[in-house]
C-alpha cells in the first residue's frame, strides 16, 4: 500500500519570517501560519468559540528568497509541503518540533501580486523548480 505525506495550509502569517544562511550557503526561511475554524452557537445555546491552530513552515533555497522578499506578518498564504518532525535539546530537555517543509508557496494578498519579466504576467506561486505555476485562469479545466 502506498503512503502520502502532504500538508496544505491556507492562513495568515503570524510574524515576519526568520531568514538565515546555513553553512553551505543555502538560504532558509521559517515562519508560522495561523488557521482558524470559526466558532458557532448550537441550537441548544452552547457556544463553541473560534479555534486557532499555528503551523510552523520552513522554506529552503529559492523559496526562502521569495519568502524574504514578499512574505510579512499578516500576509495571507497558501502553503503545500511535507510534514517533518525533529528533536533537539534545550536546557537539558529533549524537545520535539513539527514543521511543514514547503514545496509550493502562493501569496494570496492582492497587494502582494508580483510581476515576472519586467511587469508582464503577475506571478504569485513558486515551487522549488523556480518555474511559476500557471494561474487558474490559464488552465483549461475539463469540468
N, C-alpha and C. Protein backbone atom coordinates (compact mmCIF):
# COMPACT_ATOMS: atom_id res chain seq x y z
N UNK A 1 0.85 -1.18 0.00
CA UNK A 1 0.00 0.00 0.00
C UNK A 1 0.89 1.24 0.00
N UNK A 2 0.52 2.23 -0.78
CA UNK A 2 1.27 3.48 -0.87
C UNK A 2 0.93 4.38 0.31
N UNK A 3 1.78 5.34 0.53
CA UNK A 3 1.51 6.32 1.58
C UNK A 3 1.78 7.71 1.02
N UNK A 4 1.19 8.72 1.66
CA UNK A 4 1.32 10.10 1.20
C UNK A 4 1.64 10.98 2.40
N UNK A 5 2.61 11.86 2.24
CA UNK A 5 2.93 12.84 3.26
C UNK A 5 2.76 14.20 2.62
N UNK A 6 1.57 14.80 2.78
CA UNK A 6 1.29 16.09 2.19
C UNK A 6 0.44 16.91 3.16
N UNK A 7 0.83 18.16 3.32
CA UNK A 7 0.07 19.09 4.16
C UNK A 7 -0.24 20.32 3.33
N UNK A 8 -1.47 20.82 3.48
CA UNK A 8 -1.89 22.04 2.82
C UNK A 8 -2.44 22.97 3.89
N UNK A 9 -1.93 24.19 3.92
CA UNK A 9 -2.35 25.17 4.91
C UNK A 9 -2.65 26.48 4.18
N UNK A 10 -3.80 27.07 4.48
CA UNK A 10 -4.15 28.39 3.98
C UNK A 10 -4.47 29.24 5.20
N UNK A 11 -3.69 30.29 5.41
CA UNK A 11 -3.90 31.11 6.60
C UNK A 11 -3.08 32.38 6.55
N UNK A 12 -2.90 32.96 7.73
CA UNK A 12 -2.21 34.24 7.86
C UNK A 12 -0.90 34.07 8.60
N UNK A 13 0.15 34.74 8.11
CA UNK A 13 1.48 34.68 8.70
C UNK A 13 1.45 35.42 10.04
N UNK A 14 1.99 34.77 11.09
CA UNK A 14 1.91 35.32 12.43
C UNK A 14 2.99 36.32 12.79
N UNK A 15 4.16 36.23 12.16
CA UNK A 15 5.23 37.18 12.43
C UNK A 15 6.14 37.23 11.20
N UNK A 16 6.96 38.27 11.12
CA UNK A 16 7.87 38.36 9.98
C UNK A 16 8.76 37.12 9.94
N UNK A 17 9.02 36.59 8.75
CA UNK A 17 9.84 35.37 8.63
C UNK A 17 11.25 35.56 9.19
N UNK A 18 11.80 34.47 9.71
CA UNK A 18 13.19 34.43 10.16
C UNK A 18 14.00 33.82 9.02
N UNK A 19 14.94 34.58 8.49
CA UNK A 19 15.73 34.13 7.35
C UNK A 19 17.18 33.99 7.78
N UNK A 20 17.82 32.90 7.35
CA UNK A 20 19.22 32.66 7.69
C UNK A 20 19.89 31.95 6.53
N UNK A 21 21.22 32.05 6.49
CA UNK A 21 22.00 31.31 5.51
C UNK A 21 22.80 30.27 6.27
N UNK A 22 22.69 29.01 5.86
CA UNK A 22 23.39 27.94 6.57
C UNK A 22 24.79 27.75 5.97
N UNK A 23 25.54 26.83 6.54
CA UNK A 23 26.97 26.67 6.20
C UNK A 23 27.26 26.54 4.72
N UNK A 24 26.45 25.79 3.99
CA UNK A 24 26.73 25.57 2.57
C UNK A 24 26.26 26.72 1.69
N UNK A 25 25.80 27.81 2.28
CA UNK A 25 25.37 28.98 1.54
C UNK A 25 23.90 28.98 1.15
N UNK A 26 23.20 27.90 1.48
CA UNK A 26 21.78 27.84 1.16
C UNK A 26 20.98 28.68 2.16
N UNK A 27 19.98 29.36 1.65
CA UNK A 27 19.13 30.19 2.48
C UNK A 27 17.96 29.37 3.01
N UNK A 28 17.54 29.67 4.24
CA UNK A 28 16.37 29.05 4.84
C UNK A 28 15.49 30.14 5.46
N UNK A 29 14.19 29.93 5.41
CA UNK A 29 13.26 30.89 6.00
C UNK A 29 12.22 30.11 6.80
N UNK A 30 11.88 30.62 7.96
CA UNK A 30 10.87 30.00 8.80
C UNK A 30 9.84 31.02 9.25
N UNK A 31 8.60 30.60 9.27
CA UNK A 31 7.53 31.48 9.75
C UNK A 31 6.36 30.61 10.21
N UNK A 32 5.44 31.21 10.93
CA UNK A 32 4.26 30.46 11.39
C UNK A 32 3.03 30.98 10.67
N UNK A 33 2.08 30.07 10.47
CA UNK A 33 0.82 30.40 9.81
C UNK A 33 -0.32 29.99 10.74
N UNK A 34 -1.27 30.89 10.92
CA UNK A 34 -2.45 30.61 11.74
C UNK A 34 -3.62 30.23 10.84
N UNK A 35 -4.31 29.16 11.24
CA UNK A 35 -5.57 28.79 10.59
C UNK A 35 -6.64 28.82 11.67
N UNK A 36 -7.82 29.31 11.32
CA UNK A 36 -8.88 29.44 12.31
C UNK A 36 -10.16 28.79 11.81
N UNK A 37 -10.71 27.92 12.65
CA UNK A 37 -12.03 27.35 12.40
C UNK A 37 -13.02 28.25 13.14
N UNK A 38 -13.98 28.77 12.42
CA UNK A 38 -14.93 29.69 13.01
C UNK A 38 -15.82 28.98 14.03
N UNK A 39 -16.07 29.66 15.13
CA UNK A 39 -16.95 29.14 16.15
C UNK A 39 -18.41 29.30 15.75
N UNK A 40 -19.28 28.74 16.57
CA UNK A 40 -20.71 28.82 16.29
C UNK A 40 -21.49 28.60 17.58
N UNK A 41 -22.77 28.87 17.50
CA UNK A 41 -23.67 28.61 18.62
C UNK A 41 -24.61 27.49 18.19
N UNK A 42 -24.65 26.42 18.96
CA UNK A 42 -25.51 25.28 18.65
C UNK A 42 -26.97 25.65 18.93
N UNK A 43 -27.89 24.83 18.44
CA UNK A 43 -29.32 25.09 18.63
C UNK A 43 -29.71 25.10 20.10
N UNK A 44 -28.98 24.35 20.91
CA UNK A 44 -29.30 24.31 22.35
C UNK A 44 -28.69 25.49 23.11
N UNK A 45 -28.00 26.40 22.41
CA UNK A 45 -27.43 27.59 23.04
C UNK A 45 -25.98 27.46 23.44
N UNK A 46 -25.38 26.29 23.28
CA UNK A 46 -23.98 26.10 23.60
C UNK A 46 -23.12 26.88 22.60
N UNK A 47 -22.20 27.68 23.14
CA UNK A 47 -21.32 28.49 22.30
C UNK A 47 -19.99 27.78 22.14
N UNK A 48 -19.59 27.56 20.89
CA UNK A 48 -18.30 26.98 20.57
C UNK A 48 -17.43 28.09 19.99
N UNK A 49 -16.35 28.46 20.68
CA UNK A 49 -15.52 29.59 20.21
C UNK A 49 -14.68 29.23 18.99
N UNK A 50 -14.11 30.27 18.36
CA UNK A 50 -13.15 30.05 17.27
C UNK A 50 -12.00 29.20 17.80
N UNK A 51 -11.41 28.39 16.91
CA UNK A 51 -10.27 27.56 17.29
C UNK A 51 -9.13 27.85 16.31
N UNK A 52 -8.05 28.42 16.83
CA UNK A 52 -6.90 28.77 16.01
C UNK A 52 -5.77 27.78 16.25
N UNK A 53 -5.19 27.29 15.15
CA UNK A 53 -4.02 26.41 15.20
C UNK A 53 -2.86 27.13 14.53
N UNK A 54 -1.65 26.92 15.06
CA UNK A 54 -0.45 27.52 14.49
C UNK A 54 0.39 26.43 13.84
N UNK A 55 0.89 26.71 12.63
CA UNK A 55 1.67 25.76 11.85
C UNK A 55 3.03 26.38 11.56
N UNK A 56 4.10 25.66 11.86
CA UNK A 56 5.46 26.12 11.58
C UNK A 56 5.83 25.72 10.16
N UNK A 57 6.29 26.69 9.38
CA UNK A 57 6.63 26.48 7.98
C UNK A 57 8.12 26.72 7.79
N UNK A 58 8.79 25.85 7.02
CA UNK A 58 10.20 26.00 6.71
C UNK A 58 10.36 25.97 5.19
N UNK A 59 11.08 26.97 4.65
CA UNK A 59 11.35 27.04 3.21
C UNK A 59 12.86 27.04 3.00
N UNK A 60 13.29 26.46 1.88
CA UNK A 60 14.71 26.36 1.57
C UNK A 60 15.00 26.97 0.21
N UNK A 61 16.24 27.42 0.00
CA UNK A 61 16.72 27.86 -1.31
C UNK A 61 15.91 28.99 -1.92
N UNK A 62 15.44 28.75 -3.14
CA UNK A 62 14.69 29.77 -3.90
C UNK A 62 13.42 30.20 -3.17
N UNK A 63 12.72 29.25 -2.55
CA UNK A 63 11.51 29.62 -1.82
C UNK A 63 11.84 30.53 -0.64
N UNK A 64 12.97 30.30 0.01
CA UNK A 64 13.39 31.18 1.11
C UNK A 64 13.66 32.60 0.60
N UNK A 65 14.23 32.71 -0.60
CA UNK A 65 14.44 34.03 -1.21
C UNK A 65 13.11 34.74 -1.43
N UNK A 66 12.13 34.02 -1.94
CA UNK A 66 10.80 34.59 -2.19
C UNK A 66 10.16 35.02 -0.88
N UNK A 67 10.26 34.17 0.14
CA UNK A 67 9.69 34.50 1.46
C UNK A 67 10.34 35.77 1.99
N UNK A 68 11.65 35.85 1.89
CA UNK A 68 12.36 37.02 2.40
C UNK A 68 11.88 38.31 1.72
N UNK A 69 11.62 38.23 0.43
CA UNK A 69 11.23 39.43 -0.33
C UNK A 69 9.77 39.82 -0.16
N UNK A 70 8.86 38.84 -0.06
CA UNK A 70 7.45 39.16 -0.19
C UNK A 70 6.55 38.81 0.99
N UNK A 71 6.98 37.93 1.88
CA UNK A 71 6.10 37.49 2.98
C UNK A 71 6.40 38.34 4.21
N UNK A 72 5.33 38.78 4.86
CA UNK A 72 5.48 39.56 6.09
C UNK A 72 4.34 39.21 7.04
N UNK A 73 4.43 39.69 8.25
CA UNK A 73 3.39 39.45 9.24
C UNK A 73 2.05 39.90 8.66
N UNK A 74 1.04 39.03 8.76
CA UNK A 74 -0.29 39.35 8.27
C UNK A 74 -0.56 38.91 6.85
N UNK A 75 0.48 38.49 6.11
CA UNK A 75 0.28 38.03 4.74
C UNK A 75 -0.62 36.81 4.72
N UNK A 76 -1.46 36.72 3.71
CA UNK A 76 -2.30 35.55 3.51
C UNK A 76 -1.56 34.64 2.54
N UNK A 77 -1.36 33.36 2.93
CA UNK A 77 -0.57 32.44 2.11
C UNK A 77 -1.23 31.07 1.98
N UNK A 78 -0.91 30.42 0.89
CA UNK A 78 -1.22 29.00 0.66
C UNK A 78 0.12 28.29 0.69
N UNK A 79 0.24 27.27 1.53
CA UNK A 79 1.49 26.51 1.63
C UNK A 79 1.16 25.04 1.44
N UNK A 80 1.94 24.39 0.58
CA UNK A 80 1.82 22.95 0.40
C UNK A 80 3.19 22.35 0.62
N UNK A 81 3.25 21.26 1.38
CA UNK A 81 4.54 20.64 1.63
C UNK A 81 4.41 19.34 2.38
N UNK A 82 5.51 18.91 2.98
CA UNK A 82 5.55 17.65 3.71
C UNK A 82 5.70 17.90 5.20
N UNK A 83 5.03 17.11 6.00
CA UNK A 83 5.17 17.19 7.45
C UNK A 83 6.53 16.60 7.82
N UNK A 84 7.24 17.30 8.68
CA UNK A 84 8.54 16.83 9.17
C UNK A 84 8.55 16.96 10.69
N UNK A 85 9.22 16.04 11.34
CA UNK A 85 9.40 16.13 12.78
C UNK A 85 10.89 16.05 13.07
N UNK A 86 11.31 16.70 14.14
CA UNK A 86 12.71 16.65 14.54
C UNK A 86 12.80 16.83 16.05
N UNK A 87 13.91 16.42 16.60
CA UNK A 87 14.14 16.60 18.03
C UNK A 87 15.37 17.46 18.22
N UNK A 88 15.39 18.16 19.35
CA UNK A 88 16.56 18.96 19.69
C UNK A 88 16.62 19.08 21.21
N UNK A 89 17.78 19.48 21.72
CA UNK A 89 17.99 19.65 23.15
C UNK A 89 17.93 21.11 23.52
N UNK A 90 17.21 21.43 24.59
CA UNK A 90 17.18 22.80 25.11
C UNK A 90 17.08 22.71 26.62
N UNK A 91 18.02 23.37 27.29
CA UNK A 91 18.07 23.35 28.76
C UNK A 91 18.08 21.93 29.30
N UNK A 92 18.79 21.04 28.61
CA UNK A 92 18.93 19.66 29.07
C UNK A 92 17.70 18.79 28.82
N UNK A 93 16.70 19.32 28.16
CA UNK A 93 15.49 18.55 27.87
C UNK A 93 15.38 18.31 26.37
N UNK A 94 14.91 17.12 26.01
CA UNK A 94 14.64 16.82 24.61
C UNK A 94 13.31 17.42 24.23
N UNK A 95 13.33 18.16 23.14
CA UNK A 95 12.10 18.80 22.65
C UNK A 95 11.81 18.30 21.25
N UNK A 96 10.56 18.41 20.87
CA UNK A 96 10.11 17.95 19.57
C UNK A 96 9.52 19.12 18.79
N UNK A 97 9.83 19.17 17.51
CA UNK A 97 9.29 20.20 16.64
C UNK A 97 8.62 19.52 15.45
N UNK A 98 7.47 20.05 15.08
CA UNK A 98 6.73 19.56 13.92
C UNK A 98 6.57 20.72 12.96
N UNK A 99 6.98 20.51 11.71
CA UNK A 99 7.02 21.58 10.73
C UNK A 99 6.47 21.09 9.40
N UNK A 100 6.10 22.05 8.58
CA UNK A 100 5.75 21.75 7.19
C UNK A 100 6.91 22.27 6.34
N UNK A 101 7.56 21.35 5.63
CA UNK A 101 8.65 21.72 4.72
C UNK A 101 8.01 22.13 3.40
N UNK A 102 8.05 23.41 3.11
CA UNK A 102 7.32 24.00 1.99
C UNK A 102 7.84 23.51 0.64
N UNK A 103 6.91 23.09 -0.21
CA UNK A 103 7.23 22.73 -1.59
C UNK A 103 6.59 23.71 -2.57
N UNK A 104 5.44 24.27 -2.20
CA UNK A 104 4.74 25.25 -3.02
C UNK A 104 4.25 26.37 -2.12
N UNK A 105 4.47 27.59 -2.56
CA UNK A 105 4.04 28.76 -1.81
C UNK A 105 3.26 29.67 -2.74
N UNK A 106 2.09 30.10 -2.29
CA UNK A 106 1.29 31.04 -3.08
C UNK A 106 0.88 32.19 -2.18
N UNK A 107 1.17 33.41 -2.64
CA UNK A 107 0.75 34.61 -1.91
C UNK A 107 -0.68 34.91 -2.30
N UNK A 108 -1.55 35.08 -1.32
CA UNK A 108 -2.96 35.29 -1.59
C UNK A 108 -3.39 36.73 -1.47
N UNK A 109 -2.54 37.59 -0.94
CA UNK A 109 -2.86 39.00 -0.80
C UNK A 109 -2.87 39.67 -2.17
N UNK A 110 -3.87 40.47 -2.44
CA UNK A 110 -3.97 41.17 -3.72
C UNK A 110 -2.82 42.15 -3.89
N UNK A 111 -2.46 42.87 -2.83
CA UNK A 111 -1.40 43.87 -2.94
C UNK A 111 -0.04 43.22 -3.09
N UNK A 112 0.08 41.91 -2.87
CA UNK A 112 1.37 41.24 -2.99
C UNK A 112 1.61 40.67 -4.38
N UNK A 113 0.73 40.96 -5.34
CA UNK A 113 0.95 40.43 -6.68
C UNK A 113 2.31 40.92 -7.18
N UNK A 114 3.08 40.00 -7.65
CA UNK A 114 4.45 40.29 -8.06
C UNK A 114 4.56 40.13 -9.56
N UNK A 115 5.27 41.01 -10.21
CA UNK A 115 5.43 40.91 -11.65
C UNK A 115 6.67 40.11 -11.98
N UNK A 116 6.58 39.33 -13.03
CA UNK A 116 7.66 38.49 -13.52
C UNK A 116 7.99 38.99 -14.93
N UNK A 117 9.24 39.04 -15.30
CA UNK A 117 9.68 39.51 -16.62
C UNK A 117 9.24 40.94 -16.88
N UNK A 118 9.73 41.85 -16.11
CA UNK A 118 9.52 43.29 -16.29
C UNK A 118 8.05 43.69 -16.30
N UNK A 119 7.28 43.16 -15.38
CA UNK A 119 5.91 43.61 -15.20
C UNK A 119 4.90 43.05 -16.17
N UNK A 120 5.18 41.94 -16.83
CA UNK A 120 4.22 41.43 -17.80
C UNK A 120 3.14 40.56 -17.16
N UNK A 121 3.45 39.38 -16.70
CA UNK A 121 2.44 38.48 -16.16
C UNK A 121 2.58 38.39 -14.65
N UNK A 122 1.50 38.64 -13.87
CA UNK A 122 1.61 38.52 -12.43
C UNK A 122 1.84 37.07 -12.01
N UNK A 123 2.76 36.88 -11.09
CA UNK A 123 3.09 35.54 -10.61
C UNK A 123 2.96 35.54 -9.10
N UNK A 124 2.25 34.58 -8.56
CA UNK A 124 2.07 34.51 -7.13
C UNK A 124 2.48 33.17 -6.55
N UNK A 125 2.73 32.17 -7.36
CA UNK A 125 3.02 30.83 -6.87
C UNK A 125 4.45 30.44 -7.24
N UNK A 126 5.16 29.88 -6.27
CA UNK A 126 6.52 29.44 -6.52
C UNK A 126 6.70 28.02 -6.04
N UNK A 127 7.50 27.26 -6.77
CA UNK A 127 7.89 25.91 -6.38
C UNK A 127 9.41 25.84 -6.50
N UNK A 128 10.04 24.85 -5.89
CA UNK A 128 11.50 24.78 -5.93
C UNK A 128 12.08 24.71 -7.35
N UNK A 129 11.30 24.28 -8.33
CA UNK A 129 11.80 24.20 -9.69
C UNK A 129 12.03 25.58 -10.29
N UNK A 130 11.64 26.63 -9.57
CA UNK A 130 11.79 28.03 -9.97
C UNK A 130 10.90 28.38 -11.15
N UNK A 131 10.00 27.49 -11.55
CA UNK A 131 9.06 27.80 -12.61
C UNK A 131 7.73 28.16 -11.98
N UNK A 132 7.19 29.35 -12.30
CA UNK A 132 5.91 29.73 -11.72
C UNK A 132 4.79 28.81 -12.21
N UNK A 133 3.87 28.50 -11.30
CA UNK A 133 2.71 27.71 -11.64
C UNK A 133 1.77 28.60 -12.46
N UNK A 134 1.04 28.02 -13.43
CA UNK A 134 0.09 28.84 -14.18
C UNK A 134 -1.06 29.27 -13.29
N UNK A 135 -1.57 30.46 -13.54
CA UNK A 135 -2.71 30.95 -12.79
C UNK A 135 -3.94 30.13 -13.19
N UNK A 136 -4.93 30.06 -12.33
CA UNK A 136 -6.11 29.24 -12.58
C UNK A 136 -6.83 29.67 -13.87
N UNK A 137 -6.73 30.95 -14.24
CA UNK A 137 -7.37 31.42 -15.46
C UNK A 137 -6.68 30.88 -16.71
N UNK A 138 -5.41 30.46 -16.57
CA UNK A 138 -4.63 29.99 -17.71
C UNK A 138 -4.77 28.48 -17.95
N UNK A 139 -5.47 27.79 -17.07
CA UNK A 139 -5.56 26.34 -17.15
C UNK A 139 -6.90 25.96 -17.75
N UNK A 140 -6.88 25.09 -18.77
CA UNK A 140 -8.13 24.57 -19.33
C UNK A 140 -8.61 23.43 -18.44
N UNK A 141 -9.69 23.65 -17.72
CA UNK A 141 -10.22 22.65 -16.82
C UNK A 141 -11.27 21.82 -17.53
N UNK A 142 -11.16 20.47 -17.48
CA UNK A 142 -12.08 19.62 -18.23
C UNK A 142 -13.46 19.49 -17.60
N UNK A 143 -13.73 20.19 -16.51
CA UNK A 143 -15.06 20.08 -15.89
C UNK A 143 -15.61 21.42 -15.52
